[in-house]
């Protein structure tokens, strides 16, 4: 996999906050200091989607087959 990385100076990074937003959007940057590579800014990997997670847990089934006794409701009932 080839990563295209724009080169910016440490001074540019310090003075312009747009580079942080661009990295958040998916861009990568090589930060240089005095003409030499200093560090890289890489976007985080996107987490996988969690839609549908937990469907194997039996949602829709009663937690307890017996109803909760009225004495345990306390002040929770309207």
N, C-alpha and C. Protein backbone atom coordinates (compact mmCIF):
# COMPACT_ATOMS: atom_id res chain seq x y z
N UNK A 1 0.85 -1.18 0.00
CA UNK A 1 0.00 0.00 0.00
C UNK A 1 0.89 1.23 0.00
N UNK A 2 0.63 2.15 -0.90
CA UNK A 2 1.39 3.38 -1.04
C UNK A 2 0.68 4.51 -0.32
N UNK A 3 1.39 5.18 0.58
CA UNK A 3 0.81 6.30 1.31
C UNK A 3 1.43 7.58 0.77
N UNK A 4 0.60 8.47 0.25
CA UNK A 4 1.06 9.76 -0.23
C UNK A 4 1.06 10.70 0.96
N UNK A 5 2.22 11.31 1.21
CA UNK A 5 2.37 12.13 2.40
C UNK A 5 2.91 13.49 2.01
N UNK A 6 2.21 14.53 2.39
CA UNK A 6 2.66 15.89 2.14
C UNK A 6 3.70 16.26 3.20
N UNK A 7 4.72 17.00 2.79
CA UNK A 7 5.76 17.43 3.71
C UNK A 7 5.47 18.86 4.17
N UNK A 8 5.50 19.07 5.48
CA UNK A 8 5.30 20.41 6.06
C UNK A 8 6.39 20.64 7.10
N UNK A 9 6.65 21.90 7.39
CA UNK A 9 7.66 22.21 8.40
C UNK A 9 7.02 22.25 9.78
N UNK A 10 7.85 22.12 10.78
CA UNK A 10 7.38 22.19 12.16
C UNK A 10 6.75 23.55 12.43
N UNK A 11 7.30 24.59 11.85
CA UNK A 11 6.77 25.94 12.03
C UNK A 11 5.38 26.06 11.40
N UNK A 12 5.18 25.48 10.21
CA UNK A 12 3.86 25.50 9.58
C UNK A 12 2.84 24.79 10.46
N UNK A 13 3.22 23.67 11.02
CA UNK A 13 2.31 22.91 11.88
C UNK A 13 1.93 23.72 13.11
N UNK A 14 2.89 24.40 13.70
CA UNK A 14 2.64 25.19 14.91
C UNK A 14 1.75 26.39 14.64
N UNK A 15 1.85 26.97 13.45
CA UNK A 15 1.11 28.20 13.15
C UNK A 15 -0.24 27.99 12.49
N UNK A 16 -0.49 26.79 11.95
CA UNK A 16 -1.71 26.59 11.18
C UNK A 16 -2.46 25.36 11.71
N UNK A 17 -3.58 25.58 12.36
CA UNK A 17 -4.35 24.48 12.96
C UNK A 17 -5.08 23.65 11.91
N UNK A 18 -5.13 24.08 10.68
CA UNK A 18 -5.83 23.32 9.65
C UNK A 18 -5.18 21.96 9.40
N UNK A 19 -3.88 21.83 9.67
CA UNK A 19 -3.22 20.55 9.44
C UNK A 19 -3.78 19.46 10.35
N UNK A 20 -4.14 19.80 11.57
CA UNK A 20 -4.76 18.84 12.47
C UNK A 20 -6.11 18.37 11.95
N UNK A 21 -6.90 19.31 11.45
CA UNK A 21 -8.21 18.95 10.90
C UNK A 21 -8.06 18.11 9.63
N UNK A 22 -7.04 18.43 8.82
CA UNK A 22 -6.82 17.66 7.60
C UNK A 22 -6.36 16.24 7.93
N UNK A 23 -5.54 16.10 8.97
CA UNK A 23 -5.12 14.76 9.39
C UNK A 23 -6.31 13.97 9.92
N UNK A 24 -7.19 14.65 10.63
CA UNK A 24 -8.40 13.99 11.13
C UNK A 24 -9.27 13.52 9.96
N UNK A 25 -9.24 14.26 8.87
CA UNK A 25 -10.03 13.90 7.69
C UNK A 25 -9.38 12.79 6.87
N UNK A 26 -8.14 12.38 7.23
CA UNK A 26 -7.53 11.25 6.53
C UNK A 26 -6.21 11.53 5.85
N UNK A 27 -5.70 12.75 5.89
CA UNK A 27 -4.42 13.05 5.24
C UNK A 27 -3.25 12.68 6.16
N UNK A 28 -2.11 12.39 5.54
CA UNK A 28 -0.88 12.10 6.28
C UNK A 28 0.13 13.19 6.00
N UNK A 29 0.96 13.50 6.98
CA UNK A 29 1.97 14.56 6.83
C UNK A 29 3.31 14.09 7.37
N UNK A 30 4.38 14.48 6.68
CA UNK A 30 5.73 14.31 7.17
C UNK A 30 6.16 15.68 7.66
N UNK A 31 6.46 15.79 8.94
CA UNK A 31 6.86 17.08 9.52
C UNK A 31 8.38 17.12 9.53
N UNK A 32 8.91 18.21 8.97
CA UNK A 32 10.36 18.38 8.92
C UNK A 32 10.79 19.49 9.87
N UNK A 33 12.03 19.38 10.34
CA UNK A 33 12.62 20.42 11.20
C UNK A 33 14.05 20.65 10.69
N UNK A 34 14.31 21.87 10.28
CA UNK A 34 15.62 22.24 9.71
C UNK A 34 15.97 21.37 8.51
N UNK A 35 14.95 21.07 7.70
CA UNK A 35 15.16 20.35 6.45
C UNK A 35 15.26 18.84 6.56
N UNK A 36 15.11 18.32 7.77
CA UNK A 36 15.20 16.88 7.96
C UNK A 36 13.89 16.33 8.51
N UNK A 37 13.56 15.06 8.17
CA UNK A 37 12.33 14.47 8.73
C UNK A 37 12.39 14.48 10.25
N UNK A 38 11.29 14.89 10.86
CA UNK A 38 11.22 15.01 12.32
C UNK A 38 10.22 14.02 12.90
N UNK A 39 8.99 13.99 12.35
CA UNK A 39 7.99 12.99 12.73
C UNK A 39 6.89 12.96 11.68
N UNK A 40 6.03 11.95 11.79
CA UNK A 40 4.91 11.80 10.86
C UNK A 40 3.60 11.97 11.60
N UNK A 41 2.63 12.54 10.92
CA UNK A 41 1.27 12.63 11.43
C UNK A 41 0.43 11.72 10.55
N UNK A 42 -0.16 10.69 11.18
CA UNK A 42 -0.99 9.74 10.45
C UNK A 42 -2.39 9.74 11.04
N UNK A 43 -3.41 9.65 10.21
CA UNK A 43 -4.77 9.58 10.74
C UNK A 43 -5.00 8.25 11.45
N UNK A 44 -5.88 8.25 12.42
CA UNK A 44 -6.24 7.02 13.11
C UNK A 44 -7.02 6.10 12.18
N UNK A 45 -6.89 4.81 12.41
CA UNK A 45 -7.70 3.87 11.65
C UNK A 45 -9.13 3.99 12.12
N UNK A 46 -10.04 3.94 11.22
CA UNK A 46 -11.46 4.03 11.57
C UNK A 46 -11.89 2.73 12.23
N UNK A 47 -12.59 2.81 13.37
CA UNK A 47 -13.06 1.57 14.01
C UNK A 47 -14.15 0.92 13.16
N UNK A 48 -14.28 -0.39 13.26
CA UNK A 48 -15.34 -1.05 12.51
C UNK A 48 -16.71 -0.62 13.02
N UNK A 49 -17.68 -0.74 12.17
CA UNK A 49 -19.05 -0.36 12.53
C UNK A 49 -19.60 -1.37 13.54
N UNK A 50 -20.32 -0.89 14.52
CA UNK A 50 -20.87 -1.76 15.55
C UNK A 50 -22.38 -1.97 15.39
N UNK A 51 -22.91 -1.66 14.23
CA UNK A 51 -24.33 -1.87 13.99
C UNK A 51 -24.60 -3.36 14.00
N UNK A 52 -25.54 -3.78 14.77
CA UNK A 52 -25.89 -5.19 14.85
C UNK A 52 -25.11 -5.96 15.89
N UNK A 53 -24.19 -5.29 16.58
CA UNK A 53 -23.42 -5.99 17.61
C UNK A 53 -24.36 -6.39 18.74
N UNK A 54 -24.18 -7.55 19.26
CA UNK A 54 -24.98 -8.02 20.38
C UNK A 54 -26.26 -8.74 19.99
N UNK A 55 -26.48 -8.95 18.69
CA UNK A 55 -27.70 -9.64 18.28
C UNK A 55 -27.69 -11.08 18.75
N UNK A 56 -26.52 -11.63 19.01
CA UNK A 56 -26.41 -13.01 19.48
C UNK A 56 -26.75 -13.13 20.97
N UNK A 57 -26.97 -12.02 21.67
CA UNK A 57 -27.21 -12.05 23.10
C UNK A 57 -28.66 -12.34 23.47
N UNK A 58 -29.51 -12.50 22.49
CA UNK A 58 -30.90 -12.87 22.77
C UNK A 58 -31.76 -11.68 23.17
N UNK A 59 -31.54 -10.55 22.54
CA UNK A 59 -32.37 -9.38 22.82
C UNK A 59 -33.82 -9.73 22.52
N UNK A 60 -34.71 -9.26 23.34
CA UNK A 60 -36.12 -9.55 23.16
C UNK A 60 -36.59 -10.68 24.06
N UNK A 61 -35.67 -11.40 24.63
CA UNK A 61 -36.05 -12.45 25.57
C UNK A 61 -36.09 -11.84 26.97
N UNK A 62 -37.00 -12.35 27.78
CA UNK A 62 -37.11 -11.84 29.14
C UNK A 62 -35.87 -12.20 29.95
N UNK A 63 -35.43 -11.25 30.78
CA UNK A 63 -34.27 -11.50 31.63
C UNK A 63 -34.64 -12.52 32.69
N UNK A 64 -35.83 -12.40 33.20
CA UNK A 64 -36.31 -13.32 34.21
C UNK A 64 -37.70 -13.81 33.79
N UNK A 65 -37.95 -15.10 33.92
CA UNK A 65 -39.27 -15.59 33.53
C UNK A 65 -40.37 -15.15 34.51
N UNK A 66 -40.02 -14.77 35.72
CA UNK A 66 -40.99 -14.35 36.73
C UNK A 66 -41.10 -12.82 36.74
N UNK A 67 -42.29 -12.27 36.92
CA UNK A 67 -42.42 -10.81 37.04
C UNK A 67 -41.78 -10.33 38.34
N UNK A 68 -41.40 -9.06 38.37
CA UNK A 68 -40.79 -8.47 39.56
C UNK A 68 -41.88 -8.30 40.62
N UNK A 69 -41.66 -8.80 41.84
CA UNK A 69 -42.66 -8.65 42.89
C UNK A 69 -42.92 -7.18 43.20
N UNK A 70 -44.18 -6.80 43.51
CA UNK A 70 -44.51 -5.40 43.77
C UNK A 70 -43.67 -4.77 44.89
N UNK A 71 -43.25 -5.53 45.88
CA UNK A 71 -42.46 -4.98 46.97
C UNK A 71 -41.08 -4.52 46.56
N UNK A 72 -40.56 -5.00 45.42
CA UNK A 72 -39.22 -4.63 44.97
C UNK A 72 -39.22 -3.37 44.11
N UNK A 73 -40.39 -2.88 43.72
CA UNK A 73 -40.44 -1.69 42.89
C UNK A 73 -40.14 -0.44 43.73
N UNK A 74 -40.45 -0.44 45.00
CA UNK A 74 -40.20 0.71 45.87
C UNK A 74 -40.83 1.97 45.33
N UNK A 75 -40.04 3.02 45.18
CA UNK A 75 -40.52 4.32 44.69
C UNK A 75 -40.42 4.45 43.19
N UNK A 76 -40.13 3.40 42.47
CA UNK A 76 -39.94 3.48 41.02
C UNK A 76 -41.25 3.51 40.25
N UNK A 77 -42.31 3.02 40.85
CA UNK A 77 -43.60 3.03 40.15
C UNK A 77 -44.21 4.41 40.24
N UNK A 78 -44.84 4.87 39.15
CA UNK A 78 -45.47 6.22 39.17
C UNK A 78 -46.70 6.26 40.06
